[in-house]
Amino acid sequence: MARELKSADEIQAEVSGLIHDIREIREDGAVVKVPKPTELRELDDAGCNWTMLTFGGAATSYVQGILRVVENVRVRYNLRP
């Protein structure tokens, strides 16, 4: 499946919306600071050209959910050059 190209702002907004829809984060009223995606020079082994680093305000209990969201979005979108 070909990935759709999105801007850094669009990917950041998509990831942020999905993270803040995670039940535990929503119920806690937590605010997780979602970084802009970082462009990779080449496609990684999964065929994606971006990653995200350092989520602010993310409690340890949120990490697995955040990682799942990022991986799901990485499968769908590549960063527009």
PDB file of N, CA and C in Angstrom:
ATOM      1  N   MET A   1       0.836  -1.176   0.000  1.00  0.00           N
ATOM      2  CA  MET A   1       0.000   0.000   0.000  1.00  0.00           C
ATOM      3  C   MET A   1       0.886   1.246   0.000  1.00  0.00           C
ATOM      4  N   ALA A   2       0.646   2.144  -0.922  1.00  0.00           N
ATOM      5  CA  ALA A   2       1.418   3.380  -1.002  1.00  0.00           C
ATOM      6  C   ALA A   2       1.003   4.329   0.114  1.00  0.00           C
ATOM      7  N   ARG A   3       1.985   4.968   0.674  1.00  0.00           N
ATOM      8  CA  ARG A   3       1.696   5.941   1.726  1.00  0.00           C
ATOM      9  C   ARG A   3       1.280   7.268   1.107  1.00  0.00           C
ATOM     10  N   GLU A   4       0.354   7.923   1.767  1.00  0.00           N
ATOM     11  CA  GLU A   4      -0.058   9.271   1.364  1.00  0.00           C
ATOM     12  C   GLU A   4       0.998  10.253   1.869  1.00  0.00           C
ATOM     13  N   LEU A   5       1.302  11.273   1.093  1.00  0.00           N
ATOM     14  CA  LEU A   5       2.257  12.293   1.517  1.00  0.00           C
ATOM     15  C   LEU A   5       1.526  13.380   2.299  1.00  0.00           C
ATOM     16  N   LYS A   6       2.085  13.740   3.437  1.00  0.00           N
ATOM     17  CA  LYS A   6       1.513  14.783   4.302  1.00  0.00           C
ATOM     18  C   LYS A   6       2.628  15.715   4.759  1.00  0.00           C
ATOM     19  N   SER A   7       2.257  16.926   5.103  1.00  0.00           N
ATOM     20  CA  SER A   7       3.224  17.880   5.660  1.00  0.00           C
ATOM     21  C   SER A   7       3.527  17.498   7.115  1.00  0.00           C
ATOM     22  N   ALA A   8       4.594  18.074   7.647  1.00  0.00           N
ATOM     23  CA  ALA A   8       4.950  17.826   9.046  1.00  0.00           C
ATOM     24  C   ALA A   8       3.813  18.260   9.977  1.00  0.00           C
ATOM     25  N   ASP A   9       3.185  19.387   9.673  1.00  0.00           N
ATOM     26  CA  ASP A   9       2.073  19.871  10.499  1.00  0.00           C
ATOM     27  C   ASP A   9       0.885  18.907  10.456  1.00  0.00           C
ATOM     28  N   GLU A  10       0.598  18.365   9.278  1.00  0.00           N
ATOM     29  CA  GLU A  10      -0.525  17.435   9.138  1.00  0.00           C
ATOM     30  C   GLU A  10      -0.268  16.132   9.905  1.00  0.00           C
ATOM     31  N   ILE A  11       0.958  15.614   9.814  1.00  0.00           N
ATOM     32  CA  ILE A  11       1.292  14.383  10.541  1.00  0.00           C
ATOM     33  C   ILE A  11       1.244  14.644  12.039  1.00  0.00           C
ATOM     34  N   GLN A  12       1.791  15.761  12.470  1.00  0.00           N
ATOM     35  CA  GLN A  12       1.773  16.105  13.890  1.00  0.00           C
ATOM     36  C   GLN A  12       0.336  16.199  14.405  1.00  0.00           C
ATOM     37  N   ALA A  13      -0.538  16.831  13.658  1.00  0.00           N
ATOM     38  CA  ALA A  13      -1.943  16.980  14.065  1.00  0.00           C
ATOM     39  C   ALA A  13      -2.642  15.624  14.126  1.00  0.00           C
ATOM     40  N   GLU A  14      -2.385  14.759  13.152  1.00  0.00           N
ATOM     41  CA  GLU A  14      -2.986  13.424  13.137  1.00  0.00           C
ATOM     42  C   GLU A  14      -2.554  12.619  14.360  1.00  0.00           C
ATOM     43  N   VAL A  15      -1.244  12.607  14.632  1.00  0.00           N
ATOM     44  CA  VAL A  15      -0.727  11.864  15.783  1.00  0.00           C
ATOM     45  C   VAL A  15      -1.276  12.447  17.079  1.00  0.00           C
ATOM     46  N   SER A  16      -1.290  13.765  17.186  1.00  0.00           N
ATOM     47  CA  SER A  16      -1.792  14.405  18.400  1.00  0.00           C
ATOM     48  C   SER A  16      -3.252  14.057  18.662  1.00  0.00           C
ATOM     49  N   GLY A  17      -4.069  14.135  17.627  1.00  0.00           N
ATOM     50  CA  GLY A  17      -5.489  13.802  17.794  1.00  0.00           C
ATOM     51  C   GLY A  17      -5.690  12.368  18.249  1.00  0.00           C
ATOM     52  N   LEU A  18      -4.951  11.443  17.649  1.00  0.00           N
ATOM     53  CA  LEU A  18      -5.081  10.031  18.015  1.00  0.00           C
ATOM     54  C   LEU A  18      -4.561   9.763  19.426  1.00  0.00           C
ATOM     55  N   ILE A  19      -3.468  10.413  19.802  1.00  0.00           N
ATOM     56  CA  ILE A  19      -2.924  10.234  21.159  1.00  0.00           C
ATOM     57  C   ILE A  19      -3.914  10.754  22.191  1.00  0.00           C
ATOM     58  N   HIS A  20      -4.504  11.912  21.930  1.00  0.00           N
ATOM     59  CA  HIS A  20      -5.430  12.481  22.905  1.00  0.00           C
ATOM     60  C   HIS A  20      -6.784  11.770  22.911  1.00  0.00           C
ATOM     61  N   ASP A  21      -6.985  10.840  21.977  1.00  0.00           N
ATOM     62  CA  ASP A  21      -8.171   9.978  21.987  1.00  0.00           C
ATOM     63  C   ASP A  21      -7.943   8.671  22.745  1.00  0.00           C
ATOM     64  N   ILE A  22      -6.700   8.416  23.171  1.00  0.00           N
ATOM     65  CA  ILE A  22      -6.429   7.220  23.980  1.00  0.00           C
ATOM     66  C   ILE A  22      -7.196   7.373  25.291  1.00  0.00           C
ATOM     67  N   ARG A  23      -7.962   6.360  25.635  1.00  0.00           N
ATOM     68  CA  ARG A  23      -8.863   6.447  26.791  1.00  0.00           C
ATOM     69  C   ARG A  23      -8.162   6.934  28.062  1.00  0.00           C
ATOM     70  N   GLU A  24      -7.043   6.339  28.418  1.00  0.00           N
ATOM     71  CA  GLU A  24      -6.361   6.719  29.655  1.00  0.00           C
ATOM     72  C   GLU A  24      -5.924   8.187  29.631  1.00  0.00           C
ATOM     73  N   ILE A  25      -5.411   8.634  28.511  1.00  0.00           N
ATOM     74  CA  ILE A  25      -4.968  10.027  28.395  1.00  0.00           C
ATOM     75  C   ILE A  25      -6.168  10.966  28.473  1.00  0.00           C
ATOM     76  N   ARG A  26      -7.236  10.597  27.769  1.00  0.00           N
ATOM     77  CA  ARG A  26      -8.462  11.411  27.788  1.00  0.00           C
ATOM     78  C   ARG A  26      -9.046  11.470  29.195  1.00  0.00           C
ATOM     79  N   GLU A  27      -9.158  10.304  29.855  1.00  0.00           N
ATOM     80  CA  GLU A  27      -9.747  10.265  31.200  1.00  0.00           C
ATOM     81  C   GLU A  27      -8.905  11.028  32.221  1.00  0.00           C
ATOM     82  N   ASP A  28      -7.578  10.988  32.048  1.00  0.00           N
ATOM     83  CA  ASP A  28      -6.690  11.713  32.963  1.00  0.00           C
ATOM     84  C   ASP A  28      -6.671  13.206  32.674  1.00  0.00           C
ATOM     85  N   GLY A  29      -7.216  13.608  31.531  1.00  0.00           N
ATOM     86  CA  GLY A  29      -7.158  15.012  31.142  1.00  0.00           C
ATOM     87  C   GLY A  29      -5.730  15.455  30.848  1.00  0.00           C
ATOM     88  N   ALA A  30      -4.890  14.501  30.494  1.00  0.00           N
ATOM     89  CA  ALA A  30      -3.471  14.791  30.250  1.00  0.00           C
ATOM     90  C   ALA A  30      -3.293  15.497  28.914  1.00  0.00           C
ATOM     91  N   VAL A  31      -2.267  16.296  28.853  1.00  0.00           N
ATOM     92  CA  VAL A  31      -1.881  16.950  27.611  1.00  0.00           C
ATOM     93  C   VAL A  31      -0.472  16.470  27.278  1.00  0.00           C
ATOM     94  N   VAL A  32      -0.363  15.777  26.158  1.00  0.00           N
ATOM     95  CA  VAL A  32       0.924  15.265  25.705  1.00  0.00           C
ATOM     96  C   VAL A  32       1.401  16.173  24.579  1.00  0.00           C
ATOM     97  N   LYS A  33       2.602  16.695  24.722  1.00  0.00           N
ATOM     98  CA  LYS A  33       3.181  17.563  23.686  1.00  0.00           C
ATOM     99  C   LYS A  33       3.764  16.659  22.599  1.00  0.00           C
ATOM    100  N   VAL A  34       3.184  16.773  21.413  1.00  0.00           N
ATOM    101  CA  VAL A  34       3.572  15.931  20.280  1.00  0.00           C
ATOM    102  C   VAL A  34       4.538  16.704  19.397  1.00  0.00           C
ATOM    103  N   PRO A  35       5.734  16.147  19.164  1.00  0.00           N
ATOM    104  CA  PRO A  35       6.706  16.851  18.333  1.00  0.00           C
ATOM    105  C   PRO A  35       6.354  16.761  16.853  1.00  0.00           C
ATOM    106  N   LYS A  36       6.960  17.629  16.064  1.00  0.00           N
ATOM    107  CA  LYS A  36       6.841  17.489  14.609  1.00  0.00           C
ATOM    108  C   LYS A  36       7.662  16.276  14.199  1.00  0.00           C
ATOM    109  N   PRO A  37       7.256  15.608  13.130  1.00  0.00           N
ATOM    110  CA  PRO A  37       8.049  14.468  12.679  1.00  0.00           C
ATOM    111  C   PRO A  37       9.423  14.917  12.191  1.00  0.00           C
ATOM    112  N   THR A  38      10.395  14.057  12.430  1.00  0.00           N
ATOM    113  CA  THR A  38      11.760  14.296  11.993  1.00  0.00           C
ATOM    114  C   THR A  38      11.994  13.514  10.715  1.00  0.00           C
ATOM    115  N   GLU A  39      12.423  14.191   9.677  1.00  0.00           N
ATOM    116  CA  GLU A  39      12.629  13.538   8.390  1.00  0.00           C
ATOM    117  C   GLU A  39      13.897  12.705   8.410  1.00  0.00           C
ATOM    118  N   LEU A  40      13.788  11.496   7.885  1.00  0.00           N
ATOM    119  CA  LEU A  40      14.943  10.633   7.706  1.00  0.00           C
ATOM    120  C   LEU A  40      15.517  10.867   6.308  1.00  0.00           C
ATOM    121  N   ARG A  41      16.780  10.649   6.122  1.00  0.00           N
ATOM    122  CA  ARG A  41      17.395  10.853   4.809  1.00  0.00           C
ATOM    123  C   ARG A  41      16.957   9.785   3.812  1.00  0.00           C
ATOM    124  N   GLU A  42      16.739   8.585   4.275  1.00  0.00           N
ATOM    125  CA  GLU A  42      16.323   7.479   3.413  1.00  0.00           C
ATOM    126  C   GLU A  42      15.132   6.801   4.061  1.00  0.00           C
ATOM    127  N   LEU A  43      14.423   6.012   3.264  1.00  0.00           N
ATOM    128  CA  LEU A  43      13.336   5.217   3.831  1.00  0.00           C
ATOM    129  C   LEU A  43      13.926   4.211   4.809  1.00  0.00           C
ATOM    130  N   ASP A  44      13.241   4.015   5.922  1.00  0.00           N
ATOM    131  CA  ASP A  44      13.708   3.000   6.864  1.00  0.00           C
ATOM    132  C   ASP A  44      13.249   1.624   6.392  1.00  0.00           C
ATOM    133  N   ASP A  45      13.510   0.603   7.180  1.00  0.00           N
ATOM    134  CA  ASP A  45      13.157  -0.770   6.797  1.00  0.00           C
ATOM    135  C   ASP A  45      11.663  -0.954   6.555  1.00  0.00           C
ATOM    136  N   ALA A  46      10.855  -0.121   7.191  1.00  0.00           N
ATOM    137  CA  ALA A  46       9.397  -0.209   7.026  1.00  0.00           C
ATOM    138  C   ALA A  46       8.899   0.619   5.840  1.00  0.00           C
ATOM    139  N   GLY A  47       9.794   1.381   5.199  1.00  0.00           N
ATOM    140  CA  GLY A  47       9.398   2.206   4.060  1.00  0.00           C
ATOM    141  C   GLY A  47       8.919   3.592   4.429  1.00  0.00           C
ATOM    142  N   CYS A  48       9.173   4.007   5.651  1.00  0.00           N
ATOM    143  CA  CYS A  48       8.733   5.318   6.123  1.00  0.00           C
ATOM    144  C   CYS A  48       9.918   6.279   6.144  1.00  0.00           C
ATOM    145  N   ASN A  49       9.645   7.572   5.934  1.00  0.00           N
ATOM    146  CA  ASN A  49      10.726   8.554   5.889  1.00  0.00           C
ATOM    147  C   ASN A  49      10.717   9.532   7.060  1.00  0.00           C
ATOM    148  N   TRP A  50      10.027   9.201   8.134  1.00  0.00           N
ATOM    149  CA  TRP A  50      10.002  10.094   9.294  1.00  0.00           C
ATOM    150  C   TRP A  50       9.881   9.287  10.584  1.00  0.00           C
ATOM    151  N   THR A  51      10.171   9.974  11.688  1.00  0.00           N
ATOM    152  CA  THR A  51       9.966   9.416  13.014  1.00  0.00           C
ATOM    153  C   THR A  51       9.604  10.571  13.944  1.00  0.00           C
ATOM    154  N   MET A  52       9.274  10.261  15.172  1.00  0.00           N
ATOM    155  CA  MET A  52       8.990  11.292  16.179  1.00  0.00           C
ATOM    156  C   MET A  52       9.789  10.967  17.425  1.00  0.00           C
ATOM    157  N   LEU A  53      10.305  11.989  18.054  1.00  0.00           N
ATOM    158  CA  LEU A  53      11.119  11.830  19.245  1.00  0.00           C
ATOM    159  C   LEU A  53      10.593  12.723  20.364  1.00  0.00           C
ATOM    160  N   THR A  54      10.710  12.279  21.581  1.00  0.00           N
ATOM    161  CA  THR A  54      10.462  13.064  22.786  1.00  0.00           C
ATOM    162  C   THR A  54       9.068  13.695  22.870  1.00  0.00           C
ATOM    163  N   PHE A  55       8.172  12.962  23.475  1.00  0.00           N
ATOM    164  CA  PHE A  55       6.813  13.431  23.720  1.00  0.00           C
ATOM    165  C   PHE A  55       6.764  14.033  25.117  1.00  0.00           C
ATOM    166  N   GLY A  56       6.480  15.313  25.207  1.00  0.00           N
ATOM    167  CA  GLY A  56       6.434  15.988  26.498  1.00  0.00           C
ATOM    168  C   GLY A  56       5.163  15.676  27.270  1.00  0.00           C
ATOM    169  N   GLY A  57       5.291  15.514  28.567  1.00  0.00           N
ATOM    170  CA  GLY A  57       4.135  15.287  29.428  1.00  0.00           C
ATOM    171  C   GLY A  57       3.559  13.895  29.341  1.00  0.00           C
ATOM    172  N   ALA A  58       4.305  12.957  28.790  1.00  0.00           N
ATOM    173  CA  ALA A  58       3.805  11.594  28.617  1.00  0.00           C
ATOM    174  C   ALA A  58       4.203  10.740  29.815  1.00  0.00           C
ATOM    175  N   ALA A  59       3.224  10.367  30.604  1.00  0.00           N
ATOM    176  CA  ALA A  59       3.481   9.476  31.728  1.00  0.00           C
ATOM    177  C   ALA A  59       3.933   8.123  31.197  1.00  0.00           C
ATOM    178  N   THR A  60       4.691   7.411  31.996  1.00  0.00           N
ATOM    179  CA  THR A  60       5.193   6.095  31.604  1.00  0.00           C
ATOM    180  C   THR A  60       4.059   5.176  31.170  1.00  0.00           C
ATOM    181  N   SER A  61       2.930   5.272  31.808  1.00  0.00           N
ATOM    182  CA  SER A  61       1.809   4.393  31.467  1.00  0.00           C
ATOM    183  C   SER A  61       1.211   4.698  30.095  1.00  0.00           C
ATOM    184  N   TYR A  62       1.554   5.837  29.505  1.00  0.00           N
ATOM    185  CA  TYR A  62       1.035   6.197  28.184  1.00  0.00           C
ATOM    186  C   TYR A  62       1.932   5.718  27.039  1.00  0.00           C
ATOM    187  N   VAL A  63       3.144   5.317  27.345  1.00  0.00           N
ATOM    188  CA  VAL A  63       4.148   5.060  26.311  1.00  0.00           C
ATOM    189  C   VAL A  63       3.694   4.022  25.295  1.00  0.00           C
ATOM    190  N   GLN A  64       3.175   2.898  25.733  1.00  0.00           N
ATOM    191  CA  GLN A  64       2.776   1.849  24.790  1.00  0.00           C
ATOM    192  C   GLN A  64       1.695   2.339  23.830  1.00  0.00           C
ATOM    193  N   GLY A  65       0.729   3.055  24.332  1.00  0.00           N
ATOM    194  CA  GLY A  65      -0.335   3.588  23.482  1.00  0.00           C
ATOM    195  C   GLY A  65       0.200   4.600  22.483  1.00  0.00           C
ATOM    196  N   ILE A  66       1.102   5.451  22.928  1.00  0.00           N
ATOM    197  CA  ILE A  66       1.703   6.443  22.044  1.00  0.00           C
ATOM    198  C   ILE A  66       2.500   5.760  20.941  1.00  0.00           C
ATOM    199  N   LEU A  67       3.285   4.757  21.307  1.00  0.00           N
ATOM    200  CA  LEU A  67       4.074   4.033  20.302  1.00  0.00           C
ATOM    201  C   LEU A  67       3.180   3.358  19.267  1.00  0.00           C
ATOM    202  N   ARG A  68       2.066   2.798  19.712  1.00  0.00           N
ATOM    203  CA  ARG A  68       1.123   2.167  18.768  1.00  0.00           C
ATOM    204  C   ARG A  68       0.559   3.198  17.794  1.00  0.00           C
ATOM    205  N   VAL A  69       0.183   4.349  18.305  1.00  0.00           N
ATOM    206  CA  VAL A  69      -0.351   5.414  17.448  1.00  0.00           C
ATOM    207  C   VAL A  69       0.684   5.815  16.404  1.00  0.00           C
ATOM    208  N   VAL A  70       1.909   6.078  16.836  1.00  0.00           N
ATOM    209  CA  VAL A  70       2.955   6.511  15.906  1.00  0.00           C
ATOM    210  C   VAL A  70       3.190   5.448  14.841  1.00  0.00           C
ATOM    211  N   GLU A  71       3.273   4.193  15.233  1.00  0.00           N
ATOM    212  CA  GLU A  71       3.505   3.127  14.252  1.00  0.00           C
ATOM    213  C   GLU A  71       2.348   3.015  13.260  1.00  0.00           C
ATOM    214  N   ASN A  72       1.128   3.168  13.726  1.00  0.00           N
ATOM    215  CA  ASN A  72      -0.036   3.120  12.826  1.00  0.00           C
ATOM    216  C   ASN A  72      -0.022   4.276  11.828  1.00  0.00           C
ATOM    217  N   VAL A  73       0.371   5.448  12.278  1.00  0.00           N
ATOM    218  CA  VAL A  73       0.415   6.606  11.388  1.00  0.00           C
ATOM    219  C   VAL A  73       1.596   6.477  10.418  1.00  0.00           C
ATOM    220  N   ARG A  74       2.710   5.926  10.874  1.00  0.00           N
ATOM    221  CA  ARG A  74       3.877   5.732   9.993  1.00  0.00           C
ATOM    222  C   ARG A  74       3.550   4.786   8.830  1.00  0.00           C
ATOM    223  N   VAL A  75       2.648   3.856   9.048  1.00  0.00           N
ATOM    224  CA  VAL A  75       2.248   2.929   7.984  1.00  0.00           C
ATOM    225  C   VAL A  75       1.427   3.653   6.917  1.00  0.00           C
ATOM    226  N   ARG A  76       0.711   4.688   7.309  1.00  0.00           N
ATOM    227  CA  ARG A  76      -0.221   5.366   6.392  1.00  0.00           C
ATOM    228  C   ARG A  76       0.373   6.561   5.662  1.00  0.00           C
ATOM    229  N   TYR A  77       1.336   7.266   6.288  1.00  0.00           N
ATOM    230  CA  TYR A  77       1.805   8.532   5.730  1.00  0.00           C
ATOM    231  C   TYR A  77       3.325   8.616   5.662  1.00  0.00           C
ATOM    232  N   ASN A  78       3.818   9.277   4.621  1.00  0.00           N
ATOM    233  CA  ASN A  78       5.206   9.694   4.537  1.00  0.00           C
ATOM    234  C   ASN A  78       5.237  11.214   4.538  1.00  0.00           C
ATOM    235  N   LEU A  79       6.354  11.747   4.988  1.00  0.00           N
ATOM    236  CA  LEU A  79       6.532  13.183   5.067  1.00  0.00           C
ATOM    237  C   LEU A  79       6.794  13.737   3.677  1.00  0.00           C
ATOM    238  N   ARG A  80       6.006  14.729   3.328  1.00  0.00           N
ATOM    239  CA  ARG A  80       6.163  15.388   2.020  1.00  0.00           C
ATOM    240  C   ARG A  80       7.487  16.146   2.021  1.00  0.00           C
ATOM    241  N   PRO A  81       8.278  15.977   0.941  1.00  0.00           N
ATOM    242  CA  PRO A  81       9.574  16.683   0.874  1.00  0.00           C
ATOM    243  C   PRO A  81       9.401  18.190   0.766  1.00  0.00           C
TER     244      PRO A  81
END
